[in-house]
Protein backbone atom coordinates (compact mmCIF):
# COMPACT_ATOMS: atom_id res chain seq x y z
CA MET A 1 147.05 146.21 54.34
CA HIS A 2 147.36 143.42 56.91
CA SER A 3 148.44 140.11 55.27
CA ARG A 4 147.58 136.78 56.70
CA SER A 5 151.29 136.00 57.20
CA ARG A 6 151.15 138.37 60.12
CA ALA A 7 148.64 136.38 62.05
CA VAL A 8 149.74 133.51 64.17
CA PRO A 9 147.87 130.64 65.91
CA ALA A 10 146.03 132.09 68.83
CA PRO A 11 147.03 131.03 72.34
CA ALA A 12 144.56 129.15 74.50
CA LEU A 13 142.86 132.14 76.09
CA ASP A 14 139.61 131.66 77.97
CA LEU A 15 137.41 134.30 76.45
CA PRO A 16 133.67 134.50 77.18
CA PRO A 17 131.36 134.56 74.14
CA PRO A 18 130.95 136.49 71.83
CA PHE A 19 134.63 137.24 71.84
CA ARG A 20 136.83 135.79 69.09
CA LEU A 21 140.59 136.11 69.36
CA VAL A 22 142.97 137.23 66.52
CA THR A 23 146.66 137.16 67.43
CA LEU A 24 149.32 139.04 65.55
CA ARG A 25 153.09 138.77 65.59
CA GLU A 26 155.12 141.24 67.60
CA VAL A 27 155.56 143.54 64.66
CA GLY A 28 151.70 143.95 64.40
CA ASP A 29 149.50 146.76 65.45
CA ALA A 30 146.31 145.53 67.31
CA PHE A 31 144.45 148.85 67.11
CA ALA A 32 145.18 149.40 63.42
CA HIS A 33 144.37 145.72 62.51
CA ALA A 34 141.07 145.90 64.42
CA ARG A 35 140.03 149.00 62.61
CA ALA A 36 141.02 147.49 59.27
CA ILE A 37 138.84 144.33 59.80
CA ALA A 38 136.05 145.78 62.00
CA ALA A 39 133.46 146.03 59.23
CA ASP A 40 133.89 142.46 58.21
CA ALA A 41 134.88 140.76 61.47
CA GLY A 42 132.02 142.20 63.55
CA ALA A 43 131.41 142.74 67.25
CA GLY A 44 133.48 140.72 69.71
CA THR A 45 136.56 140.34 67.58
CA LEU A 46 139.50 140.90 69.90
CA VAL A 47 142.94 141.46 68.35
CA HIS A 48 146.03 140.72 70.40
CA VAL A 49 149.68 141.40 69.66
CA GLY A 50 152.24 139.01 71.19
CA ARG A 51 154.68 141.66 72.41
CA PHE A 52 157.11 140.90 75.35
CA ASP A 53 156.98 144.52 76.62
CA LEU A 54 153.25 145.42 76.31
CA VAL A 55 149.94 143.90 76.73
CA GLU A 56 148.38 145.26 73.59
CA PHE A 57 144.83 144.53 72.39
CA ALA A 58 141.77 146.02 70.64
CA VAL A 59 138.23 144.86 70.46
CA VAL A 60 135.47 145.59 67.88
CA LEU A 61 132.08 146.82 69.19
CA GLU A 62 128.88 147.42 67.32
CA PRO A 63 126.81 150.20 69.09
CA GLU A 64 123.16 150.58 68.84
CA GLU A 65 122.92 154.39 69.32
CA PRO A 66 124.29 157.46 67.45
CA LEU A 67 127.99 158.15 67.49
CA LYS A 68 127.68 161.22 69.62
CA THR A 69 126.52 159.11 72.58
CA ALA A 70 128.04 155.72 71.59
CA ARG A 71 131.58 157.19 72.23
CA ARG A 72 130.78 156.69 75.96
CA ALA A 73 131.72 153.03 75.31
CA PHE A 74 135.30 154.30 75.76
CA TYR A 75 134.60 154.81 79.45
CA ALA A 76 133.32 151.28 79.63
CA GLY A 77 136.53 150.04 78.09
CA MET A 78 138.69 152.17 80.50
CA VAL A 79 136.81 150.89 83.53
CA ALA A 80 137.11 147.28 82.33
CA LEU A 81 140.78 147.74 81.76
CA ARG A 82 141.32 149.19 85.28
CA ASP A 83 139.25 146.37 86.81
CA ALA A 84 141.35 143.83 85.02
CA LEU A 85 144.47 145.36 86.37
CA LEU A 86 143.03 145.45 89.88
CA ALA A 87 142.60 141.67 89.71
CA HIS A 88 146.38 141.37 89.32
CA ALA A 89 147.48 144.14 91.68
CA PRO A 90 148.07 144.28 95.40
CA PRO A 91 145.15 145.82 97.32
CA GLU A 92 147.03 148.99 98.35
CA ARG A 93 148.05 149.84 94.84
CA PRO A 94 146.18 152.95 93.52
CA ILE A 95 145.17 152.79 89.81
CA THR A 96 143.84 156.10 88.54
CA PHE A 97 142.82 157.84 85.33
CA ALA A 98 143.99 161.01 83.78
CA TRP A 99 141.24 162.29 81.47
CA PRO A 100 140.41 160.85 79.27
CA ASP A 101 142.70 158.01 78.32
CA ALA A 102 145.71 157.47 80.47
CA ILE A 103 146.08 154.96 83.27
CA HIS A 104 148.49 155.54 86.15
CA VAL A 105 149.74 153.33 88.89
CA ASP A 106 151.09 155.10 92.00
CA GLY A 107 151.08 158.23 89.81
CA GLY A 108 153.31 156.61 87.16
CA LEU A 109 152.01 156.14 83.63
CA ILE A 110 151.57 152.50 82.70
CA GLY A 111 149.25 152.53 79.75
CA GLY A 112 145.98 153.79 78.35
CA GLY A 113 143.08 153.31 75.95
CA ARG A 114 142.01 154.46 72.42
CA LEU A 115 138.79 154.68 70.56
CA ALA A 116 138.20 154.72 66.85
CA TRP A 117 135.15 154.97 64.60
CA PRO A 118 134.65 154.95 60.87
CA ALA A 119 136.03 157.81 58.89
CA GLY A 120 133.17 160.24 57.91
CA ALA A 121 130.84 158.76 60.39
CA VAL A 122 127.85 161.19 61.21
CA GLU A 123 127.39 162.25 64.82
CA ASP A 124 123.63 161.65 64.74
CA ALA A 125 123.77 158.28 62.98
CA VAL A 126 124.61 154.82 64.45
CA PRO A 127 128.19 154.00 63.32
CA GLU A 128 128.90 150.60 61.84
CA TRP A 129 131.56 149.90 64.48
CA LEU A 130 133.73 151.20 67.24
CA VAL A 131 137.20 149.86 68.27
CA PHE A 132 138.44 150.16 71.80
CA GLY A 133 142.15 149.55 72.13
CA GLY A 134 144.26 149.11 75.26
CA SER A 135 148.02 149.03 76.04
CA VAL A 136 149.71 148.27 79.34
CA ARG A 137 153.44 148.38 79.74
CA THR A 138 154.90 145.22 81.27
CA VAL A 139 158.66 146.06 81.07
CA ALA A 140 160.65 149.31 80.73
CA MET A 141 164.20 150.18 79.87
CA GLY A 142 165.95 151.59 82.80
CA GLU A 143 167.64 154.97 82.51
CA LYS A 144 170.45 154.36 84.93
CA GLU A 145 170.84 150.61 84.63
CA ALA A 146 171.35 148.67 81.41
CA GLY A 147 168.62 146.13 80.41
CA LEU A 148 164.95 145.76 80.83
CA GLN A 149 163.28 146.36 84.14
CA PRO A 150 160.38 144.11 85.03
CA LEU A 151 157.81 146.82 85.57
CA ALA A 152 154.98 144.62 86.52
CA ALA A 153 156.89 142.72 89.09
CA ALA A 154 158.43 145.90 90.57
CA GLN A 155 154.93 147.32 91.22
CA GLY A 156 153.60 144.11 92.71
CA PHE A 157 151.41 142.81 89.84
CA ASP A 158 150.78 139.18 89.55
CA ASP A 159 151.57 137.82 86.06
CA LEU A 160 150.65 141.09 84.29
CA GLY A 161 152.26 139.99 80.96
CA SER A 162 150.11 136.92 80.59
CA GLY A 163 146.88 136.51 78.62
CA ARG A 164 145.07 136.59 81.94
CA LEU A 165 144.88 140.35 81.66
CA ILE A 166 143.00 140.16 78.39
CA GLU A 167 140.74 137.45 79.66
CA SER A 168 139.92 139.53 82.69
CA PHE A 169 139.38 142.64 80.53
CA ALA A 170 136.92 140.76 78.29
CA ARG A 171 134.82 139.66 81.27
CA HIS A 172 134.78 143.13 82.89
CA LEU A 173 133.84 144.66 79.57
CA MET A 174 130.89 142.38 79.29
CA VAL A 175 129.79 143.53 82.80
CA ALA A 176 130.06 147.17 81.74
CA ILE A 177 128.14 146.53 78.51
CA ASP A 178 125.41 144.59 80.31
CA ALA A 179 125.07 147.60 82.69
CA TRP A 180 124.69 149.92 79.67
CA GLN A 181 122.01 147.79 78.19
CA ALA A 182 120.12 147.56 81.45
CA ASN A 183 120.13 151.43 81.68
CA GLU A 184 122.69 151.31 84.45
CA PHE A 185 125.59 152.91 82.71
CA ALA A 186 125.69 155.45 85.49
CA THR A 187 127.54 152.77 87.59
CA VAL A 188 130.33 152.76 84.92
CA VAL A 189 130.46 156.60 84.96
CA THR A 190 130.61 156.71 88.77
CA THR A 191 133.49 154.18 88.80
CA TYR A 192 135.34 156.17 86.26
CA LEU A 193 134.95 159.53 87.92
CA ARG A 194 135.94 158.07 91.35
CA GLN A 195 139.37 157.13 89.86
CA LEU A 196 139.92 160.31 87.88
CA THR A 197 142.70 162.65 88.93
CA THR A 198 141.56 166.22 88.98
CA GLU A 199 142.74 169.54 90.50
CA LYS A 200 141.80 170.22 94.06
CA GLY A 201 138.28 171.74 94.31
CA ALA A 202 137.15 170.45 90.90
CA ILE A 203 133.80 168.59 90.69
CA PRO A 204 133.82 166.31 87.63
CA SER A 205 130.89 164.88 85.75
CA LEU A 206 130.24 163.47 82.28
CA ASP A 207 127.78 164.94 79.80
CA SER A 208 125.45 162.66 77.84
CA ASN A 209 127.91 162.66 74.91
CA GLY A 210 130.84 161.80 77.16
CA ASP A 211 132.32 165.29 77.42
CA LEU A 212 133.97 166.01 80.71
CA LEU A 213 132.39 168.81 82.74
CA ILE A 214 134.40 170.39 85.53
CA ARG A 215 132.40 172.46 87.99
CA TRP A 216 134.07 174.97 90.40
CA ARG A 217 132.51 176.83 93.33
CA GLY A 218 131.29 180.13 92.46
CA GLN A 219 131.29 179.39 88.72
CA GLN A 220 127.95 179.37 87.02
CA ALA A 221 128.75 177.25 83.96
CA PRO A 222 131.16 174.27 83.97
CA ASP A 223 134.26 174.01 81.95
CA ARG A 224 133.72 171.63 79.08
CA HIS A 225 136.29 169.24 77.64
CA ALA A 226 135.18 167.49 74.41
CA LEU A 227 135.65 163.76 74.30
CA ALA A 228 135.68 163.44 70.53
CA GLY A 229 138.57 165.89 70.06
CA ALA A 230 140.59 164.47 72.95
CA LEU A 231 140.42 160.95 71.56
CA THR A 232 141.97 161.99 68.23
CA THR A 233 145.53 162.14 69.81
CA PRO A 234 146.07 159.70 72.68
CA SER A 235 147.76 161.59 75.54
CA TRP A 236 149.71 158.51 76.72
CA LEU A 237 150.98 157.03 73.44
CA ASP A 238 154.51 157.17 72.18
CA PRO A 239 154.22 156.78 68.43
CA ALA A 240 157.91 155.50 68.24
CA THR A 241 157.19 152.48 70.42
CA GLY A 242 153.44 152.03 70.22
CA GLY A 243 153.29 151.93 74.02
CA PRO A 244 153.04 154.62 76.73
CA HIS A 245 155.53 157.44 77.17
CA SER A 246 158.50 156.64 79.42
C-alpha cells in the first residue's frame, strides 16, 4: 500500500525517546501511513509529511486500557498540539478548541487532530494500537489576491512550518502521557476544557470514556456528545487537500 519509494531520508529532528521518525514525500499521507504500519512499527513511531503548506504528522500509541477509555488519548494529543503551537505564538494569541477535533487561532480554523484504532476493535478490549494525527496550516491561498499567503507569519507565529513544531509536540505529548500514567490525567482534561469554545451558559465536562457532557442550569441530565462517533469524520478536514477547510 505504501511503497518504500515514498519514504525519504528523515531530517535531523530532535525527538525524545521513544519517538522514531518516518518522513514521507509531499504526496504522502501521514495519518494513513501510520495506520498502515502501526501494528509492526510500534509505539513512538512518528510519521511526517514534508509538505510546504501544512505541518502534517501522525504518531503510533500503544494503550494499556480498553478502547472505550483509551480514546481519551485523543485529548492528550490535542493538548500537546496546542501547547506546541503556544511555544511559537505571541502571548496574546488565543488558541482554542472546537469539540472535539478542531483548533482555532483568533477564531479562525488553522488545523486539527484525528484518532484511529484497529478495524473491528472491541470496546472492552485493549486495542493493539491507536494513531493520533495532527495537521496545521502554514500557508493559504488568498481569495482576493493571487498567490500563497504566509498564514503563520500573518498570525505572528515563529517558524511554524519547521520541524520545531513536531519536536515540541513530541515533548508535550510525553508530558501528557506521563500525567496519565501517574493518574493525573485530570490535568490534561482541565487544560482541554479551559480552551474549549462552548455556548454561553454551558458547563462542559468529559465522561470517563471521553464523551463530552454539557450541563445547563435547570436541566437535570447533561447533553451527551459521543467521542467515538465524532472522531469518525473530522470536522476540520478538507478531503480534497488533506488539510483544514479554508
